[in-house]
Amino acid sequence: MHPTDLRFSSFWSAAPLVVRLTSSLLLALVVACGSAPVQEMSEARQAIEAARVAGAEQHAPEDYQKATALLKSAEEMLNKRHYRKARENAALARDEAIQAREVAQKTGSGNCPDCN
C-alpha cells in the first residue's frame, strides 16, 4: 500500500462526518430563518396595545400609525410566508410602538386620555 492511499482513504472516511455536520448546520439555518415569527408578532401587538392604552393615538399619532402600518405589513408578509420580512417588520412595529408609548406618557395623561 502506498502512503498516498492512506491520505485518500482517511479523507473519504471523514467525508461523511463533514457532510453530516454541514447538513445539520444548513438544517438549523433553514429552521431558524424559515419558521414563522410568532414571538415577534406577539411582542409587536402587545407594544401597540400598550401604546394605545397610554394614549398614543392622540399624543403620538404619527409614531402610532407607523407602528400599526408596520404590523399590518408584517401580517401580510406572514400570510405570504415571507417570514424574514415579517420578522423585520414586526420588530420595527414593536420599536415604533414603544416610542409612541413613551412620547404619549411624557406628553399626555397616560391611561386616561379623556381626563384632560
Foldseek 3Di string as FASTA:
>chain_A
DDPVVVVVVVVVVCVVVVVVVVVVVVVVVCCVQQDAPPVLLVLLVVLLVQLVQQPLCPQVVVLSVQLVVLSVVLVVCVVVSNRVSSSVSSNVSNVSSNVSSVRSNVPADTRCNPPD
